[in-house]
Amino acid sequence: MQTHEIHRGRLIDHIQLVVRDLSASQRFYQAVFDALKVPMGGAGDDYFWVDELFVSTADSKAALGQLTGRHHLAFQARDQAMVDAFYRAALDHGGKDNGAPGFRDYHPGYYGAFVLDPDGNNIEAVFHGEARRSAPSVKVTF
């Protein structure tokens, strides 16, 4: 297997999804992030957020009245069991199957699952196989 070096935390500052039904999306993403062991960051009347993901209604100030359309977001999982838990939680909370957990041909060790969120976004959890990390995450304080 070829060794790969990837960097996290230097390209994407944040992603905003604008959704039709904030409560349905919040239930879905809360369950998904619980399965991935990532805590929600906060919420207001027309939004919620976790790490780099911001989800709002179309009438929030940040949305300018428009839905975002369909996107593909892939969340990191620590192991295959976490991918499986993500998939079950997503389906139990309004998600639709878009690819059951399993190995993919993208590269050796790629184990992922795909679901559609309540707005049709393609949401994935992926475990790339055993890897050594320099830190569990990058923390930025400002």
N, C-alpha and C. Protein backbone atom coordinates (compact mmCIF):
# COMPACT_ATOMS: atom_id res chain seq x y z
N MET A 1 0.84 -1.18 0.00
CA MET A 1 0.00 0.00 0.00
C MET A 1 0.88 1.24 0.00
N GLN A 2 0.55 2.17 -0.84
CA GLN A 2 1.28 3.43 -0.93
C GLN A 2 0.94 4.32 0.27
N THR A 3 1.93 5.00 0.80
CA THR A 3 1.70 5.92 1.91
C THR A 3 1.20 7.25 1.38
N HIS A 4 0.17 7.77 2.03
CA HIS A 4 -0.39 9.06 1.66
C HIS A 4 -0.27 10.00 2.84
N GLU A 5 -0.02 11.26 2.57
CA GLU A 5 -0.05 12.28 3.62
C GLU A 5 -1.12 13.28 3.24
N ILE A 6 -2.06 13.49 4.14
CA ILE A 6 -3.12 14.46 3.89
C ILE A 6 -3.14 15.46 5.03
N HIS A 7 -3.67 16.62 4.76
CA HIS A 7 -3.78 17.67 5.77
C HIS A 7 -5.24 18.00 5.99
N ARG A 8 -5.61 18.25 7.22
CA ARG A 8 -6.96 18.65 7.58
C ARG A 8 -6.89 19.99 8.28
N GLY A 9 -7.86 20.83 7.99
CA GLY A 9 -7.97 22.08 8.72
C GLY A 9 -7.29 23.26 8.06
N ARG A 10 -6.89 23.15 6.80
CA ARG A 10 -6.25 24.31 6.18
C ARG A 10 -6.97 24.80 4.92
N LEU A 11 -7.97 24.07 4.44
CA LEU A 11 -8.63 24.47 3.21
C LEU A 11 -10.04 25.03 3.46
N ILE A 12 -10.87 24.30 4.19
CA ILE A 12 -12.26 24.70 4.41
C ILE A 12 -12.37 25.45 5.73
N ASP A 13 -12.90 26.67 5.67
CA ASP A 13 -13.17 27.42 6.89
C ASP A 13 -14.53 27.01 7.45
N HIS A 14 -15.56 27.02 6.59
CA HIS A 14 -16.87 26.53 7.00
C HIS A 14 -17.73 26.23 5.77
N ILE A 15 -18.76 25.44 5.99
CA ILE A 15 -19.72 25.09 4.96
C ILE A 15 -21.10 25.43 5.52
N GLN A 16 -21.93 26.06 4.71
CA GLN A 16 -23.29 26.36 5.13
C GLN A 16 -24.26 25.58 4.27
N LEU A 17 -25.18 24.86 4.91
CA LEU A 17 -26.30 24.23 4.23
C LEU A 17 -27.54 25.01 4.62
N VAL A 18 -28.35 25.37 3.64
CA VAL A 18 -29.62 26.04 3.90
C VAL A 18 -30.71 25.02 3.63
N VAL A 19 -31.55 24.77 4.64
CA VAL A 19 -32.49 23.65 4.60
C VAL A 19 -33.94 24.12 4.68
N ARG A 20 -34.84 23.25 4.21
CA ARG A 20 -36.29 23.54 4.24
C ARG A 20 -36.85 23.40 5.65
N ASP A 21 -36.47 22.34 6.35
CA ASP A 21 -37.06 22.02 7.66
C ASP A 21 -35.93 21.89 8.68
N LEU A 22 -35.70 22.96 9.41
CA LEU A 22 -34.58 22.99 10.35
C LEU A 22 -34.71 21.92 11.43
N SER A 23 -35.93 21.69 11.95
CA SER A 23 -36.09 20.68 13.01
C SER A 23 -35.73 19.29 12.51
N ALA A 24 -36.19 18.94 11.31
CA ALA A 24 -35.86 17.62 10.74
C ALA A 24 -34.36 17.50 10.54
N SER A 25 -33.74 18.55 10.02
CA SER A 25 -32.29 18.51 9.82
C SER A 25 -31.54 18.43 11.14
N GLN A 26 -32.01 19.16 12.13
CA GLN A 26 -31.32 19.14 13.43
C GLN A 26 -31.42 17.76 14.07
N ARG A 27 -32.58 17.11 13.98
CA ARG A 27 -32.71 15.74 14.51
C ARG A 27 -31.76 14.80 13.78
N PHE A 28 -31.72 14.90 12.45
CA PHE A 28 -30.85 14.06 11.63
C PHE A 28 -29.38 14.27 12.01
N TYR A 29 -28.92 15.51 11.98
CA TYR A 29 -27.51 15.79 12.22
C TYR A 29 -27.12 15.54 13.68
N GLN A 30 -28.02 15.78 14.62
CA GLN A 30 -27.71 15.47 16.02
C GLN A 30 -27.42 13.98 16.16
N ALA A 31 -28.26 13.13 15.56
CA ALA A 31 -28.05 11.68 15.63
C ALA A 31 -26.76 11.27 14.93
N VAL A 32 -26.50 11.85 13.76
CA VAL A 32 -25.27 11.54 13.00
C VAL A 32 -24.04 11.93 13.81
N PHE A 33 -24.04 13.12 14.38
CA PHE A 33 -22.87 13.57 15.12
C PHE A 33 -22.72 12.85 16.45
N ASP A 34 -23.82 12.43 17.07
CA ASP A 34 -23.71 11.58 18.26
C ASP A 34 -23.00 10.28 17.90
N ALA A 35 -23.37 9.68 16.76
CA ALA A 35 -22.73 8.44 16.32
C ALA A 35 -21.25 8.64 16.02
N LEU A 36 -20.90 9.83 15.52
CA LEU A 36 -19.51 10.13 15.19
C LEU A 36 -18.74 10.72 16.37
N LYS A 37 -19.42 10.87 17.52
CA LYS A 37 -18.81 11.39 18.76
C LYS A 37 -18.29 12.82 18.57
N VAL A 38 -19.07 13.63 17.87
CA VAL A 38 -18.74 15.04 17.65
C VAL A 38 -19.87 15.87 18.28
N PRO A 39 -19.56 16.71 19.26
CA PRO A 39 -20.63 17.48 19.91
C PRO A 39 -21.13 18.63 19.05
N MET A 40 -22.41 18.91 19.18
CA MET A 40 -22.99 20.09 18.51
C MET A 40 -22.34 21.32 19.11
N GLY A 41 -22.18 22.36 18.29
CA GLY A 41 -21.54 23.58 18.76
C GLY A 41 -22.51 24.57 19.36
N GLY A 42 -23.67 24.71 18.74
CA GLY A 42 -24.65 25.65 19.24
C GLY A 42 -25.84 25.73 18.30
N ALA A 43 -26.86 26.49 18.73
CA ALA A 43 -28.07 26.61 17.93
C ALA A 43 -28.79 27.90 18.27
N GLY A 44 -29.60 28.35 17.34
CA GLY A 44 -30.47 29.50 17.52
C GLY A 44 -31.81 29.18 16.88
N ASP A 45 -32.67 30.16 16.80
CA ASP A 45 -34.00 29.94 16.22
C ASP A 45 -33.96 29.51 14.77
N ASP A 46 -32.97 29.98 14.01
CA ASP A 46 -32.94 29.68 12.58
C ASP A 46 -31.63 29.04 12.12
N TYR A 47 -30.87 28.43 13.03
CA TYR A 47 -29.61 27.79 12.66
C TYR A 47 -29.14 26.82 13.75
N PHE A 48 -28.20 25.97 13.39
CA PHE A 48 -27.37 25.22 14.34
C PHE A 48 -26.02 25.01 13.68
N TRP A 49 -25.02 24.68 14.47
CA TRP A 49 -23.69 24.47 13.90
C TRP A 49 -22.91 23.45 14.72
N VAL A 50 -21.93 22.85 14.04
CA VAL A 50 -20.97 21.94 14.66
C VAL A 50 -19.68 22.05 13.85
N ASP A 51 -18.60 22.34 14.55
CA ASP A 51 -17.30 22.52 13.91
C ASP A 51 -17.44 23.42 12.68
N GLU A 52 -17.07 22.94 11.49
CA GLU A 52 -17.09 23.78 10.29
C GLU A 52 -18.43 23.80 9.57
N LEU A 53 -19.41 23.06 10.06
CA LEU A 53 -20.71 22.98 9.39
C LEU A 53 -21.73 23.91 10.06
N PHE A 54 -22.34 24.78 9.26
CA PHE A 54 -23.38 25.70 9.71
C PHE A 54 -24.63 25.38 8.91
N VAL A 55 -25.76 25.13 9.60
CA VAL A 55 -27.01 24.77 8.94
C VAL A 55 -28.06 25.80 9.35
N SER A 56 -28.75 26.37 8.35
CA SER A 56 -29.73 27.40 8.66
C SER A 56 -30.97 27.27 7.79
N THR A 57 -31.97 28.06 8.15
CA THR A 57 -33.18 28.17 7.33
C THR A 57 -32.92 29.18 6.22
N ALA A 58 -33.78 29.18 5.22
CA ALA A 58 -33.63 30.12 4.12
C ALA A 58 -33.87 31.56 4.55
N ASP A 59 -34.63 31.76 5.64
CA ASP A 59 -34.89 33.13 6.08
C ASP A 59 -33.89 33.65 7.11
N SER A 60 -32.84 32.89 7.38
CA SER A 60 -31.79 33.40 8.27
C SER A 60 -30.99 34.48 7.53
N LYS A 61 -30.37 35.38 8.28
CA LYS A 61 -29.60 36.47 7.66
C LYS A 61 -28.51 35.96 6.73
N ALA A 62 -27.87 34.85 7.11
CA ALA A 62 -26.74 34.33 6.34
C ALA A 62 -27.16 33.65 5.04
N ALA A 63 -28.44 33.27 4.89
CA ALA A 63 -28.87 32.47 3.74
C ALA A 63 -29.31 33.29 2.54
N LEU A 64 -29.69 34.50 2.73
CA LEU A 64 -30.17 35.36 1.65
C LEU A 64 -31.39 34.77 0.92
N GLY A 65 -32.19 33.99 1.65
CA GLY A 65 -33.45 33.49 1.11
C GLY A 65 -33.37 32.33 0.16
N GLN A 66 -32.22 31.70 0.01
CA GLN A 66 -32.05 30.62 -0.98
C GLN A 66 -31.62 29.32 -0.32
N LEU A 67 -32.18 28.20 -0.80
CA LEU A 67 -31.69 26.88 -0.39
C LEU A 67 -30.35 26.64 -1.10
N THR A 68 -29.49 25.81 -0.51
CA THR A 68 -28.16 25.62 -1.08
C THR A 68 -28.14 24.59 -2.21
N GLY A 69 -29.10 23.69 -2.29
CA GLY A 69 -29.05 22.65 -3.32
C GLY A 69 -28.35 21.41 -2.78
N ARG A 70 -28.02 20.48 -3.67
CA ARG A 70 -27.46 19.20 -3.25
C ARG A 70 -25.93 19.27 -3.17
N HIS A 71 -25.41 18.78 -2.05
CA HIS A 71 -23.96 18.74 -1.82
C HIS A 71 -23.55 17.35 -1.33
N HIS A 72 -22.29 17.06 -1.44
CA HIS A 72 -21.72 15.85 -0.86
C HIS A 72 -20.78 16.29 0.26
N LEU A 73 -21.05 15.82 1.48
CA LEU A 73 -20.17 16.07 2.62
C LEU A 73 -19.72 14.73 3.17
N ALA A 74 -18.44 14.58 3.42
CA ALA A 74 -17.90 13.34 3.99
C ALA A 74 -17.31 13.64 5.36
N PHE A 75 -17.81 12.94 6.37
CA PHE A 75 -17.34 13.11 7.74
C PHE A 75 -16.38 11.97 8.10
N GLN A 76 -15.36 12.30 8.87
CA GLN A 76 -14.37 11.31 9.27
C GLN A 76 -14.91 10.42 10.40
N ALA A 77 -14.63 9.14 10.30
CA ALA A 77 -14.97 8.18 11.35
C ALA A 77 -13.67 7.57 11.87
N ARG A 78 -13.67 7.20 13.13
CA ARG A 78 -12.46 6.64 13.76
C ARG A 78 -12.23 5.17 13.42
N ASP A 79 -13.30 4.48 13.02
CA ASP A 79 -13.18 3.06 12.70
C ASP A 79 -14.41 2.61 11.92
N GLN A 80 -14.41 1.34 11.50
CA GLN A 80 -15.55 0.82 10.74
C GLN A 80 -16.82 0.81 11.56
N ALA A 81 -16.72 0.51 12.85
CA ALA A 81 -17.90 0.48 13.72
C ALA A 81 -18.57 1.85 13.77
N MET A 82 -17.78 2.91 13.73
CA MET A 82 -18.34 4.26 13.76
C MET A 82 -19.07 4.57 12.44
N VAL A 83 -18.56 4.08 11.33
CA VAL A 83 -19.25 4.23 10.04
C VAL A 83 -20.60 3.51 10.11
N ASP A 84 -20.59 2.30 10.65
CA ASP A 84 -21.83 1.53 10.78
C ASP A 84 -22.84 2.26 11.68
N ALA A 85 -22.36 2.82 12.80
CA ALA A 85 -23.24 3.55 13.73
C ALA A 85 -23.81 4.79 13.07
N PHE A 86 -22.99 5.51 12.31
CA PHE A 86 -23.44 6.67 11.54
C PHE A 86 -24.60 6.29 10.63
N TYR A 87 -24.43 5.22 9.89
CA TYR A 87 -25.43 4.78 8.91
C TYR A 87 -26.75 4.44 9.59
N ARG A 88 -26.69 3.67 10.68
CA ARG A 88 -27.90 3.31 11.41
C ARG A 88 -28.59 4.55 11.98
N ALA A 89 -27.82 5.44 12.60
CA ALA A 89 -28.39 6.66 13.19
C ALA A 89 -29.04 7.53 12.11
N ALA A 90 -28.38 7.66 10.98
CA ALA A 90 -28.92 8.48 9.90
C ALA A 90 -30.25 7.92 9.39
N LEU A 91 -30.31 6.61 9.15
CA LEU A 91 -31.54 6.00 8.66
C LEU A 91 -32.66 6.08 9.70
N ASP A 92 -32.30 5.99 10.97
CA ASP A 92 -33.30 6.06 12.05
C ASP A 92 -33.81 7.47 12.29
N HIS A 93 -33.17 8.48 11.70
CA HIS A 93 -33.54 9.87 11.97
C HIS A 93 -33.79 10.66 10.68
N GLY A 94 -34.42 10.02 9.71
CA GLY A 94 -34.87 10.73 8.53
C GLY A 94 -33.97 10.64 7.32
N GLY A 95 -32.83 9.96 7.42
CA GLY A 95 -31.96 9.79 6.27
C GLY A 95 -32.43 8.65 5.37
N LYS A 96 -31.97 8.67 4.13
CA LYS A 96 -32.29 7.61 3.17
C LYS A 96 -31.00 6.97 2.69
N ASP A 97 -31.05 5.67 2.51
CA ASP A 97 -29.88 4.92 2.05
C ASP A 97 -29.38 5.47 0.72
N ASN A 98 -28.06 5.65 0.63
CA ASN A 98 -27.43 6.03 -0.63
C ASN A 98 -26.14 5.23 -0.83
N GLY A 99 -26.01 4.15 -0.07
CA GLY A 99 -24.83 3.28 -0.16
C GLY A 99 -24.50 2.71 1.21
N ALA A 100 -24.86 1.46 1.45
CA ALA A 100 -24.65 0.82 2.75
C ALA A 100 -23.17 0.76 3.11
N PRO A 101 -22.86 0.62 4.40
CA PRO A 101 -21.46 0.53 4.83
C PRO A 101 -20.72 -0.59 4.11
N GLY A 102 -19.51 -0.30 3.72
CA GLY A 102 -18.69 -1.31 3.08
C GLY A 102 -17.42 -0.71 2.50
N PHE A 103 -16.55 -1.60 2.04
CA PHE A 103 -15.31 -1.16 1.41
C PHE A 103 -15.60 -0.63 0.01
N ARG A 104 -14.88 0.40 -0.37
CA ARG A 104 -15.02 1.00 -1.69
C ARG A 104 -13.67 0.88 -2.41
N ASP A 105 -13.71 1.01 -3.72
CA ASP A 105 -12.50 0.87 -4.53
C ASP A 105 -11.70 2.17 -4.65
N TYR A 106 -12.02 3.19 -3.87
CA TYR A 106 -11.33 4.47 -3.98
C TYR A 106 -9.85 4.35 -3.64
N HIS A 107 -9.52 3.61 -2.59
CA HIS A 107 -8.15 3.24 -2.25
C HIS A 107 -8.23 2.10 -1.24
N PRO A 108 -7.16 1.32 -1.07
CA PRO A 108 -7.21 0.21 -0.12
C PRO A 108 -7.56 0.70 1.28
N GLY A 109 -8.49 0.01 1.93
CA GLY A 109 -8.88 0.35 3.30
C GLY A 109 -10.01 1.35 3.41
N TYR A 110 -10.50 1.90 2.29
CA TYR A 110 -11.58 2.90 2.31
C TYR A 110 -12.89 2.21 2.66
N TYR A 111 -13.44 2.54 3.83
CA TYR A 111 -14.69 1.96 4.31
C TYR A 111 -15.66 3.11 4.55
N GLY A 112 -16.75 3.13 3.81
CA GLY A 112 -17.66 4.26 3.92
C GLY A 112 -19.12 3.85 3.82
N ALA A 113 -19.98 4.80 4.19
CA ALA A 113 -21.43 4.64 4.05
C ALA A 113 -21.99 5.98 3.61
N PHE A 114 -23.06 5.92 2.81
CA PHE A 114 -23.65 7.12 2.24
C PHE A 114 -25.14 7.15 2.55
N VAL A 115 -25.63 8.33 2.93
CA VAL A 115 -27.07 8.54 3.15
C VAL A 115 -27.45 9.90 2.55
N LEU A 116 -28.72 10.05 2.26
CA LEU A 116 -29.25 11.35 1.85
C LEU A 116 -29.91 11.97 3.08
N ASP A 117 -29.56 13.21 3.38
CA ASP A 117 -30.18 13.91 4.52
C ASP A 117 -31.59 14.36 4.12
N PRO A 118 -32.34 14.97 5.03
CA PRO A 118 -33.72 15.35 4.70
C PRO A 118 -33.85 16.29 3.50
N ASP A 119 -32.78 16.98 3.09
CA ASP A 119 -32.83 17.86 1.93
C ASP A 119 -32.17 17.26 0.69
N GLY A 120 -31.78 15.99 0.75
CA GLY A 120 -31.20 15.32 -0.41
C GLY A 120 -29.70 15.47 -0.55
N ASN A 121 -29.03 16.05 0.46
CA ASN A 121 -27.57 16.13 0.42
C ASN A 121 -26.98 14.74 0.64
N ASN A 122 -25.93 14.41 -0.10
CA ASN A 122 -25.27 13.12 0.02
C ASN A 122 -24.26 13.20 1.17
N ILE A 123 -24.58 12.57 2.29
CA ILE A 123 -23.76 12.64 3.49
C ILE A 123 -23.07 11.29 3.68
N GLU A 124 -21.77 11.34 3.89
CA GLU A 124 -20.95 10.14 4.00
C GLU A 124 -20.18 10.14 5.31
N ALA A 125 -19.96 8.95 5.83
CA ALA A 125 -18.97 8.76 6.89
C ALA A 125 -17.93 7.81 6.32
N VAL A 126 -16.65 8.12 6.55
CA VAL A 126 -15.58 7.32 5.96
C VAL A 126 -14.49 7.05 6.98
N PHE A 127 -13.99 5.82 6.94
CA PHE A 127 -12.80 5.42 7.68
C PHE A 127 -11.80 4.98 6.62
N HIS A 128 -10.63 5.61 6.61
CA HIS A 128 -9.63 5.36 5.58
C HIS A 128 -8.69 4.20 5.91
N GLY A 129 -8.90 3.55 7.03
CA GLY A 129 -8.01 2.50 7.46
C GLY A 129 -7.10 3.02 8.56
N GLU A 130 -6.33 2.12 9.12
CA GLU A 130 -5.44 2.51 10.21
C GLU A 130 -4.47 3.58 9.75
N ALA A 131 -4.33 4.61 10.57
CA ALA A 131 -3.44 5.73 10.23
C ALA A 131 -2.89 6.33 11.51
N ARG A 132 -1.77 6.99 11.39
CA ARG A 132 -1.18 7.68 12.54
C ARG A 132 -1.46 9.17 12.38
N ARG A 133 -2.04 9.77 13.41
CA ARG A 133 -2.35 11.20 13.41
C ARG A 133 -1.36 11.93 14.31
N SER A 134 -1.02 13.14 13.92
CA SER A 134 -0.14 13.96 14.76
C SER A 134 -0.92 14.54 15.95
N ALA A 135 -2.24 14.66 15.79
CA ALA A 135 -3.12 15.16 16.85
C ALA A 135 -4.54 14.72 16.51
N PRO A 136 -5.42 14.59 17.51
CA PRO A 136 -6.79 14.18 17.21
C PRO A 136 -7.56 15.21 16.38
N SER A 137 -7.23 16.49 16.54
CA SER A 137 -7.85 17.56 15.75
C SER A 137 -6.98 18.80 15.86
N VAL A 138 -7.22 19.72 14.99
CA VAL A 138 -6.54 21.02 15.06
C VAL A 138 -7.44 21.97 15.84
N LYS A 139 -6.93 22.58 16.89
CA LYS A 139 -7.71 23.53 17.68
C LYS A 139 -7.26 24.93 17.36
N VAL A 140 -8.21 25.77 17.02
CA VAL A 140 -7.94 27.15 16.69
C VAL A 140 -8.68 28.03 17.71
N THR A 141 -7.96 28.89 18.37
CA THR A 141 -8.56 29.79 19.35
C THR A 141 -8.35 31.22 18.89
N PHE A 142 -9.42 32.00 18.88
CA PHE A 142 -9.28 33.41 18.52
C PHE A 142 -10.26 34.23 19.31
